[in-house]
Structures are given as structure tokens and as C-alpha cells.
Amino acid sequence: MDIQAPPGAVRTIEKSVTRNSSRRHPGRRDLNNSIKACFHRLQGRRHCTGLSSCLRVPAGSAVGLRMLWVGCILSLMVMGTRTLATYADLEDVPPTKVGEIIEGELVVSPRPASRHTRAASKLGAFLDGPFDQGVDGPGGWFILKEPELRFLKSGDALVPNITAWRRERMPYMPNVPYFSLVPDWVCEVVSDVTLAWDRSPKMRVYARAGVEWLWFIDPLAEGLEIHRLQDGQ
């Protein structure tokens, strides 16, 4: 399974996709060990921001660089000719749907399907004990499923599958309907319905906001893809 980051995405400096030469899909135990090992490596990392680091592509990738600039230009052209969605538009989204504002556009998606939901639930439960509650693990995180994130500077509003904050940045859990504090870690469980949004516009939003770690989980291929936003490198 060969996974490549799309043009314009945050620079991929780490990828962890479990492999098995004799089977198409890796074993669940191997994937679980990979997930836990990757999350352990986040301990002690600093939250980094910086637009310059968000817009990097692999060295020598002329095609990727051209696609990045074309995407930015087209986005600006489109945004200049349409009315941008606001947070008030989210109030009209039916409770049976998921409403997001992505680069000025109101995006309404169906609720996740069963496999998608199960993958997100299992991952959240797998990380909750050791990393949120500190049971047989280091603790130090708040991990939430499907919180609404509002990036006030850009006007974007996203609902990732799983999100986490270091407690050194968010010492207590606030009683709020949405979060404006940029998270340290986000995980999207990809599906056919949300793939185009997850792997392109939402990646740009996360990068501009300064989300340091972005994971993609593919529940069908049982693959894990990791992106890290690195300041100045």
C-alpha cells in the first residue's frame, strides 16, 4: 500500500503504514502497536505554528509546487466571487448531518457509516486509557470524539473524527459548544464521502491554523498515515 500526500498538504515527514508481504491487509495487532508507538512519540513535542512550514512540499517536487500555487490561486479566485459562509449558517444544518465551513464554503455531509464510526470509536477508546486517563500510560492529553473546532481568524469550522489537546495547553475541559483553541493532534477517518475534503481543503485549514499532527486512518485498508507540521524545516 503506497500512500502519497496530496499537493498543497502539510509536508509529510513521517509515514507509518503497517505492511504484510503475505496478506493484503495488516493484522489489527500490528496496526494497534503502530498507533500506540506513534502516539507515544508525540509526548514532549512542542506545539509549532508557522505558515511557512505549512506550505512545504518535498524537495525537488516541481510538480507539487506548481499544483500548490495553482490551488492557492484558484481558491482565491473562487473566494472572491462568492458569498462566504458564516457560523450562523451552521445553525440551519439538520442534526442528522455534519456541517462544516471549509475555506468559506458550507459543507454538509451525512453522518459516518458503520465501519467509519467503529474505526473512530475503537481508536478513541484505544487512546483514552493510556493518554487521556493515564491508565497504563503517560496521560497528559484531553481526547475528544467529533468536537467542533472554530478557527476564528479564518472563519473555518471543522468537525474531525478525533481530536486531542495537551493538558499543558488546555489544563481543564471547558464547558463550551465548540473549541477555538487549536488542537495539537487531529485524526480523520477517511471514507469515500469525505475523502476529497479531508485530503485537500481540510488539510490546508489545519496547516494554516497550526495543527501540529494530522493522522489519517483508513478502516478498509487498515492503514495509518501520519503528517507533522514542522516549523521552519
C-alpha atoms as a PDB file:
ATOM      1  CA  MET A   1       0.000   0.000   0.000  1.00  0.00           C
ATOM      2  CA  ASP A   2       1.630   3.187  -1.193  1.00  0.00           C
ATOM      3  CA  ILE A   3       0.242   6.417   0.276  1.00  0.00           C
ATOM      4  CA  GLN A   4       1.256   9.821  -1.018  1.00  0.00           C
ATOM      5  CA  ALA A   5       0.390  13.201   0.416  1.00  0.00           C
ATOM      6  CA  PRO A   6      -1.673  15.362  -1.967  1.00  0.00           C
ATOM      7  CA  PRO A   7      -0.169  18.571  -3.411  1.00  0.00           C
ATOM      8  CA  GLY A   8      -0.615  21.531  -1.103  1.00  0.00           C
ATOM      9  CA  ALA A   9      -0.803  19.430   2.020  1.00  0.00           C
ATOM     10  CA  VAL A  10       1.412  19.787   5.031  1.00  0.00           C
ATOM     11  CA  ARG A  11       4.812  18.279   4.446  1.00  0.00           C
ATOM     12  CA  THR A  12       4.842  14.592   5.241  1.00  0.00           C
ATOM     13  CA  ILE A  13       7.861  13.845   7.395  1.00  0.00           C
ATOM     14  CA  GLU A  14       6.596  10.610   8.908  1.00  0.00           C
ATOM     15  CA  LYS A  15       4.513   7.793   7.496  1.00  0.00           C
ATOM     16  CA  SER A  16       3.572   4.656   9.334  1.00  0.00           C
ATOM     17  CA  VAL A  17       1.671   2.152   7.240  1.00  0.00           C
ATOM     18  CA  THR A  18       1.794  -1.376   8.541  1.00  0.00           C
ATOM     19  CA  ARG A  19       2.677  -3.926   5.889  1.00  0.00           C
ATOM     20  CA  ASN A  20       2.462  -7.685   5.475  1.00  0.00           C
ATOM     21  CA  SER A  21       4.010  -9.404   2.488  1.00  0.00           C
ATOM     22  CA  SER A  22       1.678 -12.391   2.565  1.00  0.00           C
ATOM     23  CA  ARG A  23      -1.642 -10.591   3.145  1.00  0.00           C
ATOM     24  CA  ARG A  24      -3.249  -7.591   1.556  1.00  0.00           C
ATOM     25  CA  HIS A  25      -4.176  -6.033   4.892  1.00  0.00           C
ATOM     26  CA  PRO A  26      -2.008  -5.934   8.019  1.00  0.00           C
ATOM     27  CA  GLY A  27      -3.099  -7.578  11.238  1.00  0.00           C
ATOM     28  CA  ARG A  28      -5.018  -5.477  13.742  1.00  0.00           C
ATOM     29  CA  ARG A  29      -2.424  -6.158  16.433  1.00  0.00           C
ATOM     30  CA  ASP A  30       0.329  -4.717  14.219  1.00  0.00           C
ATOM     31  CA  LEU A  31      -1.785  -1.645  13.484  1.00  0.00           C
ATOM     32  CA  ASN A  32      -2.633  -1.127  17.159  1.00  0.00           C
ATOM     33  CA  ASN A  33       1.021  -1.370  18.131  1.00  0.00           C
ATOM     34  CA  SER A  34       1.904   1.119  15.418  1.00  0.00           C
ATOM     35  CA  ILE A  35      -0.760   3.577  16.587  1.00  0.00           C
ATOM     36  CA  LYS A  36       0.321   3.389  20.221  1.00  0.00           C
ATOM     37  CA  ALA A  37       4.004   3.746  19.298  1.00  0.00           C
ATOM     38  CA  CYS A  38       3.281   6.786  17.141  1.00  0.00           C
ATOM     39  CA  PHE A  39       1.206   8.459  19.839  1.00  0.00           C
ATOM     40  CA  HIS A  40       3.910   7.807  22.425  1.00  0.00           C
ATOM     41  CA  ARG A  41       6.299   9.749  20.200  1.00  0.00           C
ATOM     42  CA  LEU A  42       4.089  12.815  20.496  1.00  0.00           C
ATOM     43  CA  GLN A  43       4.879  13.071  24.208  1.00  0.00           C
ATOM     44  CA  GLY A  44       7.129  16.055  24.881  1.00  0.00           C
ATOM     45  CA  ARG A  45       6.759  17.553  21.393  1.00  0.00           C
ATOM     46  CA  ARG A  46       6.190  21.284  21.222  1.00  0.00           C
ATOM     47  CA  HIS A  47       3.172  22.730  19.502  1.00  0.00           C
ATOM     48  CA  CYS A  48       4.515  24.519  16.461  1.00  0.00           C
ATOM     49  CA  THR A  49       2.941  27.022  14.137  1.00  0.00           C
ATOM     50  CA  GLY A  50       4.029  28.936  11.101  1.00  0.00           C
ATOM     51  CA  LEU A  51       2.593  29.386   7.632  1.00  0.00           C
ATOM     52  CA  SER A  52       5.978  28.866   6.010  1.00  0.00           C
ATOM     53  CA  SER A  53       6.139  25.333   7.346  1.00  0.00           C
ATOM     54  CA  CYS A  54       2.536  24.634   6.336  1.00  0.00           C
ATOM     55  CA  LEU A  55       3.161  25.198   2.642  1.00  0.00           C
ATOM     56  CA  ARG A  56       6.179  22.993   2.103  1.00  0.00           C
ATOM     57  CA  VAL A  57       6.360  20.178  -0.438  1.00  0.00           C
ATOM     58  CA  PRO A  58       9.107  17.562  -0.762  1.00  0.00           C
ATOM     59  CA  ALA A  59      12.385  18.962  -2.077  1.00  0.00           C
ATOM     60  CA  GLY A  60      12.657  18.776  -5.858  1.00  0.00           C
ATOM     61  CA  SER A  61       8.930  18.307  -6.355  1.00  0.00           C
ATOM     62  CA  ALA A  62       8.381  20.892  -9.077  1.00  0.00           C
ATOM     63  CA  VAL A  63       5.004  19.414  -9.987  1.00  0.00           C
ATOM     64  CA  GLY A  64       3.862  19.506  -6.375  1.00  0.00           C
ATOM     65  CA  LEU A  65       4.983  23.133  -6.035  1.00  0.00           C
ATOM     66  CA  ARG A  66       3.141  24.163  -9.188  1.00  0.00           C
ATOM     67  CA  MET A  67      -0.002  22.373  -8.031  1.00  0.00           C
ATOM     68  CA  LEU A  68       0.260  24.120  -4.667  1.00  0.00           C
ATOM     69  CA  TRP A  69       0.342  27.559  -6.237  1.00  0.00           C
ATOM     70  CA  VAL A  70      -2.413  26.703  -8.734  1.00  0.00           C
ATOM     71  CA  GLY A  71      -4.596  25.514  -5.854  1.00  0.00           C
ATOM     72  CA  CYS A  72      -3.966  28.701  -3.857  1.00  0.00           C
ATOM     73  CA  ILE A  73      -4.723  30.931  -6.839  1.00  0.00           C
ATOM     74  CA  LEU A  74      -7.914  29.072  -7.736  1.00  0.00           C
ATOM     75  CA  SER A  75      -9.064  29.209  -4.105  1.00  0.00           C
ATOM     76  CA  LEU A  76      -8.559  32.982  -4.025  1.00  0.00           C
ATOM     77  CA  MET A  77     -10.407  33.405  -7.340  1.00  0.00           C
ATOM     78  CA  VAL A  78     -13.366  31.377  -6.135  1.00  0.00           C
ATOM     79  CA  MET A  79     -13.498  33.104  -2.755  1.00  0.00           C
ATOM     80  CA  GLY A  80     -13.516  36.477  -4.472  1.00  0.00           C
ATOM     81  CA  THR A  81     -16.665  35.671  -6.496  1.00  0.00           C
ATOM     82  CA  ARG A  82     -18.957  34.007  -3.939  1.00  0.00           C
ATOM     83  CA  THR A  83     -20.546  34.772  -0.609  1.00  0.00           C
ATOM     84  CA  LEU A  84     -18.609  33.196   2.228  1.00  0.00           C
ATOM     85  CA  ALA A  85     -20.452  31.033   4.718  1.00  0.00           C
ATOM     86  CA  THR A  86     -20.579  32.155   8.339  1.00  0.00           C
ATOM     87  CA  TYR A  87     -21.004  30.402  11.668  1.00  0.00           C
ATOM     88  CA  ALA A  88     -24.677  31.375  11.595  1.00  0.00           C
ATOM     89  CA  ASP A  89     -25.162  29.063   8.594  1.00  0.00           C
ATOM     90  CA  LEU A  90     -24.274  26.080  10.784  1.00  0.00           C
ATOM     91  CA  GLU A  91     -27.442  26.619  12.822  1.00  0.00           C
ATOM     92  CA  ASP A  92     -29.565  25.561   9.817  1.00  0.00           C
ATOM     93  CA  VAL A  93     -27.797  22.222   9.366  1.00  0.00           C
ATOM     94  CA  PRO A  94     -30.097  19.310  10.366  1.00  0.00           C
ATOM     95  CA  PRO A  95     -28.959  17.341  13.428  1.00  0.00           C
ATOM     96  CA  THR A  96     -28.759  14.211  11.237  1.00  0.00           C
ATOM     97  CA  LYS A  97     -25.982  15.822   9.180  1.00  0.00           C
ATOM     98  CA  VAL A  98     -22.475  17.141   9.857  1.00  0.00           C
ATOM     99  CA  GLY A  99     -21.993  20.804   8.977  1.00  0.00           C
ATOM    100  CA  GLU A 100     -18.567  22.362   8.404  1.00  0.00           C
ATOM    101  CA  ILE A 101     -17.249  25.604   6.960  1.00  0.00           C
ATOM    102  CA  ILE A 102     -14.217  24.835   4.816  1.00  0.00           C
ATOM    103  CA  GLU A 103     -12.428  27.779   3.221  1.00  0.00           C
ATOM    104  CA  GLY A 104     -15.615  29.806   3.173  1.00  0.00           C
ATOM    105  CA  GLU A 105     -17.920  27.080   1.867  1.00  0.00           C
ATOM    106  CA  LEU A 106     -20.669  25.408   3.884  1.00  0.00           C
ATOM    107  CA  VAL A 107     -20.177  21.645   3.530  1.00  0.00           C
ATOM    108  CA  VAL A 108     -22.964  19.351   4.739  1.00  0.00           C
ATOM    109  CA  SER A 109     -22.102  15.652   4.973  1.00  0.00           C
ATOM    110  CA  PRO A 110     -24.075  12.583   6.070  1.00  0.00           C
ATOM    111  CA  ARG A 111     -23.332  11.034   9.424  1.00  0.00           C
ATOM    112  CA  PRO A 112     -20.489   8.500   9.245  1.00  0.00           C
ATOM    113  CA  ALA A 113     -21.289   4.965   8.120  1.00  0.00           C
ATOM    114  CA  SER A 114     -20.917   1.987  10.434  1.00  0.00           C
ATOM    115  CA  ARG A 115     -17.327   0.994   9.579  1.00  0.00           C
ATOM    116  CA  HIS A 116     -16.234   4.613   9.729  1.00  0.00           C
ATOM    117  CA  THR A 117     -17.905   5.096  13.112  1.00  0.00           C
ATOM    118  CA  ARG A 118     -16.488   1.871  14.520  1.00  0.00           C
ATOM    119  CA  ALA A 119     -12.941   2.760  13.466  1.00  0.00           C
ATOM    120  CA  ALA A 120     -13.177   6.172  15.122  1.00  0.00           C
ATOM    121  CA  SER A 121     -14.740   4.686  18.268  1.00  0.00           C
ATOM    122  CA  LYS A 122     -12.135   1.938  18.579  1.00  0.00           C
ATOM    123  CA  LEU A 123      -9.238   4.349  18.091  1.00  0.00           C
ATOM    124  CA  GLY A 124     -10.667   6.787  20.636  1.00  0.00           C
ATOM    125  CA  ALA A 125     -11.133   4.003  23.177  1.00  0.00           C
ATOM    126  CA  PHE A 126      -7.665   2.637  22.443  1.00  0.00           C
ATOM    127  CA  LEU A 127      -6.024   6.014  23.173  1.00  0.00           C
ATOM    128  CA  ASP A 128      -8.300   7.155  26.002  1.00  0.00           C
ATOM    129  CA  GLY A 129      -6.935   4.965  28.805  1.00  0.00           C
ATOM    130  CA  PRO A 130      -3.180   5.477  28.473  1.00  0.00           C
ATOM    131  CA  PHE A 131      -3.125   9.014  27.087  1.00  0.00           C
ATOM    132  CA  ASP A 132      -6.209  10.759  28.488  1.00  0.00           C
ATOM    133  CA  GLN A 133      -6.812   8.984  31.803  1.00  0.00           C
ATOM    134  CA  GLY A 134      -3.216   7.935  32.411  1.00  0.00           C
ATOM    135  CA  VAL A 135      -4.084   4.246  32.901  1.00  0.00           C
ATOM    136  CA  ASP A 136      -1.045   2.173  31.924  1.00  0.00           C
ATOM    137  CA  GLY A 137       0.280   5.193  30.067  1.00  0.00           C
ATOM    138  CA  PRO A 138       1.696   8.701  30.431  1.00  0.00           C
ATOM    139  CA  GLY A 139      -1.592  10.657  30.354  1.00  0.00           C
ATOM    140  CA  GLY A 140      -1.310  14.369  29.682  1.00  0.00           C
ATOM    141  CA  TRP A 141      -3.967  14.686  26.953  1.00  0.00           C
ATOM    142  CA  PHE A 142      -7.650  15.515  26.502  1.00  0.00           C
ATOM    143  CA  ILE A 143      -9.028  13.304  23.725  1.00  0.00           C
ATOM    144  CA  LEU A 144     -12.473  14.016  22.272  1.00  0.00           C
ATOM    145  CA  LYS A 145     -14.579  12.450  19.547  1.00  0.00           C
ATOM    146  CA  GLU A 146     -16.085  14.757  16.904  1.00  0.00           C
ATOM    147  CA  PRO A 147     -15.711  18.139  18.626  1.00  0.00           C
ATOM    148  CA  GLU A 148     -16.497  21.238  16.613  1.00  0.00           C
ATOM    149  CA  LEU A 149     -13.410  23.360  16.002  1.00  0.00           C
ATOM    150  CA  ARG A 150     -13.804  27.005  15.063  1.00  0.00           C
ATOM    151  CA  PHE A 151     -10.735  28.771  13.720  1.00  0.00           C
ATOM    152  CA  LEU A 152     -11.812  32.333  14.384  1.00  0.00           C
ATOM    153  CA  LYS A 153      -9.129  34.062  12.311  1.00  0.00           C
ATOM    154  CA  SER A 154     -10.085  32.257   9.107  1.00  0.00           C
ATOM    155  CA  GLY A 155     -13.772  31.611   9.800  1.00  0.00           C
ATOM    156  CA  ASP A 156     -13.395  27.867   9.237  1.00  0.00           C
ATOM    157  CA  ALA A 157     -15.337  25.342  11.311  1.00  0.00           C
ATOM    158  CA  LEU A 158     -14.332  21.675  11.184  1.00  0.00           C
ATOM    159  CA  VAL A 159     -15.554  18.510  12.886  1.00  0.00           C
ATOM    160  CA  PRO A 160     -12.687  15.982  12.884  1.00  0.00           C
ATOM    161  CA  ASN A 161     -13.328  12.410  13.955  1.00  0.00           C
ATOM    162  CA  ILE A 162     -10.963  12.525  16.938  1.00  0.00           C
ATOM    163  CA  THR A 163      -9.074  15.480  18.402  1.00  0.00           C
ATOM    164  CA  ALA A 164      -6.585  15.883  21.223  1.00  0.00           C
ATOM    165  CA  TRP A 165      -5.042  18.720  23.220  1.00  0.00           C
ATOM    166  CA  ARG A 166      -2.038  18.548  25.522  1.00  0.00           C
ATOM    167  CA  ARG A 167      -3.097  19.441  29.056  1.00  0.00           C
ATOM    168  CA  GLU A 168      -0.191  21.841  29.338  1.00  0.00           C
ATOM    169  CA  ARG A 169      -2.042  23.956  26.751  1.00  0.00           C
ATOM    170  CA  MET A 170      -5.603  23.170  27.911  1.00  0.00           C
ATOM    171  CA  PRO A 171      -5.333  22.474  31.673  1.00  0.00           C
ATOM    172  CA  TYR A 172      -9.063  21.787  32.151  1.00  0.00           C
ATOM    173  CA  MET A 173     -12.003  20.791  29.980  1.00  0.00           C
ATOM    174  CA  PRO A 174     -14.100  23.904  29.260  1.00  0.00           C
ATOM    175  CA  ASN A 175     -17.901  23.733  29.143  1.00  0.00           C
ATOM    176  CA  VAL A 176     -18.348  25.057  25.590  1.00  0.00           C
ATOM    177  CA  PRO A 177     -20.312  24.058  22.451  1.00  0.00           C
ATOM    178  CA  TYR A 178     -17.202  24.412  20.284  1.00  0.00           C
ATOM    179  CA  PHE A 179     -13.444  24.847  20.678  1.00  0.00           C
ATOM    180  CA  SER A 180     -11.451  27.833  19.450  1.00  0.00           C
ATOM    181  CA  LEU A 181      -8.144  26.635  20.904  1.00  0.00           C
ATOM    182  CA  VAL A 182      -6.157  24.987  18.113  1.00  0.00           C
ATOM    183  CA  PRO A 183      -5.650  21.285  18.934  1.00  0.00           C
ATOM    184  CA  ASP A 184      -2.281  19.548  18.979  1.00  0.00           C
ATOM    185  CA  TRP A 185      -3.482  16.421  17.219  1.00  0.00           C
ATOM    186  CA  VAL A 186      -6.290  15.587  14.810  1.00  0.00           C
ATOM    187  CA  CYS A 187      -7.346  12.283  13.282  1.00  0.00           C
ATOM    188  CA  GLU A 188      -9.613  11.913  10.267  1.00  0.00           C
ATOM    189  CA  VAL A 189     -11.090   8.515   9.387  1.00  0.00           C
ATOM    190  CA  VAL A 190     -11.273   8.600   5.607  1.00  0.00           C
ATOM    191  CA  SER A 191     -14.309   7.473   3.641  1.00  0.00           C
ATOM    192  CA  ASP A 192     -15.463   7.760   0.049  1.00  0.00           C
ATOM    193  CA  VAL A 193     -17.882  10.527   1.021  1.00  0.00           C
ATOM    194  CA  THR A 194     -15.365  12.793   2.796  1.00  0.00           C
ATOM    195  CA  LEU A 195     -12.092  11.813   1.104  1.00  0.00           C
ATOM    196  CA  ALA A 196     -11.899  14.787  -1.272  1.00  0.00           C
ATOM    197  CA  TRP A 197     -12.487  17.265   1.569  1.00  0.00           C
ATOM    198  CA  ASP A 198     -10.295  15.502   4.128  1.00  0.00           C
ATOM    199  CA  ARG A 199      -7.251  15.139   1.898  1.00  0.00           C
ATOM    200  CA  SER A 200      -7.146  18.620   0.375  1.00  0.00           C
ATOM    201  CA  PRO A 201      -9.091  21.667   1.719  1.00  0.00           C
ATOM    202  CA  LYS A 202      -9.267  20.461   5.335  1.00  0.00           C
ATOM    203  CA  MET A 203      -5.547  19.705   5.325  1.00  0.00           C
ATOM    204  CA  ARG A 204      -4.895  23.283   4.256  1.00  0.00           C
ATOM    205  CA  VAL A 205      -7.111  24.618   7.042  1.00  0.00           C
ATOM    206  CA  TYR A 206      -5.356  22.513   9.675  1.00  0.00           C
ATOM    207  CA  ALA A 207      -1.966  23.604   8.365  1.00  0.00           C
ATOM    208  CA  ARG A 208      -2.807  27.312   8.359  1.00  0.00           C
ATOM    209  CA  ALA A 209      -4.222  27.045  11.887  1.00  0.00           C
ATOM    210  CA  GLY A 210      -1.041  25.375  13.136  1.00  0.00           C
ATOM    211  CA  VAL A 211      -2.305  21.872  13.987  1.00  0.00           C
ATOM    212  CA  GLU A 212       0.944  20.021  14.555  1.00  0.00           C
ATOM    213  CA  TRP A 213      -0.117  16.417  13.993  1.00  0.00           C
ATOM    214  CA  LEU A 214      -2.640  15.122  11.457  1.00  0.00           C
ATOM    215  CA  TRP A 215      -3.432  11.414  11.149  1.00  0.00           C
ATOM    216  CA  PHE A 216      -5.482   9.587   8.539  1.00  0.00           C
ATOM    217  CA  ILE A 217      -6.972   6.190   9.349  1.00  0.00           C
ATOM    218  CA  ASP A 218      -8.270   4.011   6.503  1.00  0.00           C
ATOM    219  CA  PRO A 219     -10.648   1.466   8.085  1.00  0.00           C
ATOM    220  CA  LEU A 220     -10.851  -0.657   4.933  1.00  0.00           C
ATOM    221  CA  ALA A 221      -7.123  -0.931   4.221  1.00  0.00           C
ATOM    222  CA  GLU A 222      -6.320  -0.793   7.956  1.00  0.00           C
ATOM    223  CA  GLY A 223      -3.664   1.803   7.208  1.00  0.00           C
ATOM    224  CA  LEU A 224      -2.304   4.689   9.239  1.00  0.00           C
ATOM    225  CA  GLU A 225      -0.813   7.798   7.624  1.00  0.00           C
ATOM    226  CA  ILE A 226       0.890  10.487   9.701  1.00  0.00           C
ATOM    227  CA  HIS A 227       1.621  14.111   8.837  1.00  0.00           C
ATOM    228  CA  ARG A 228       3.510  16.534  11.028  1.00  0.00           C
ATOM    229  CA  LEU A 229       3.651  20.307  10.648  1.00  0.00           C
ATOM    230  CA  GLN A 230       7.244  21.357  11.323  1.00  0.00           C
ATOM    231  CA  ASP A 231       8.222  24.963  11.913  1.00  0.00           C
ATOM    232  CA  GLY A 232      10.995  26.183   9.618  1.00  0.00           C
ATOM    233  CA  GLN A 233      12.033  22.736   8.376  1.00  0.00           C
END
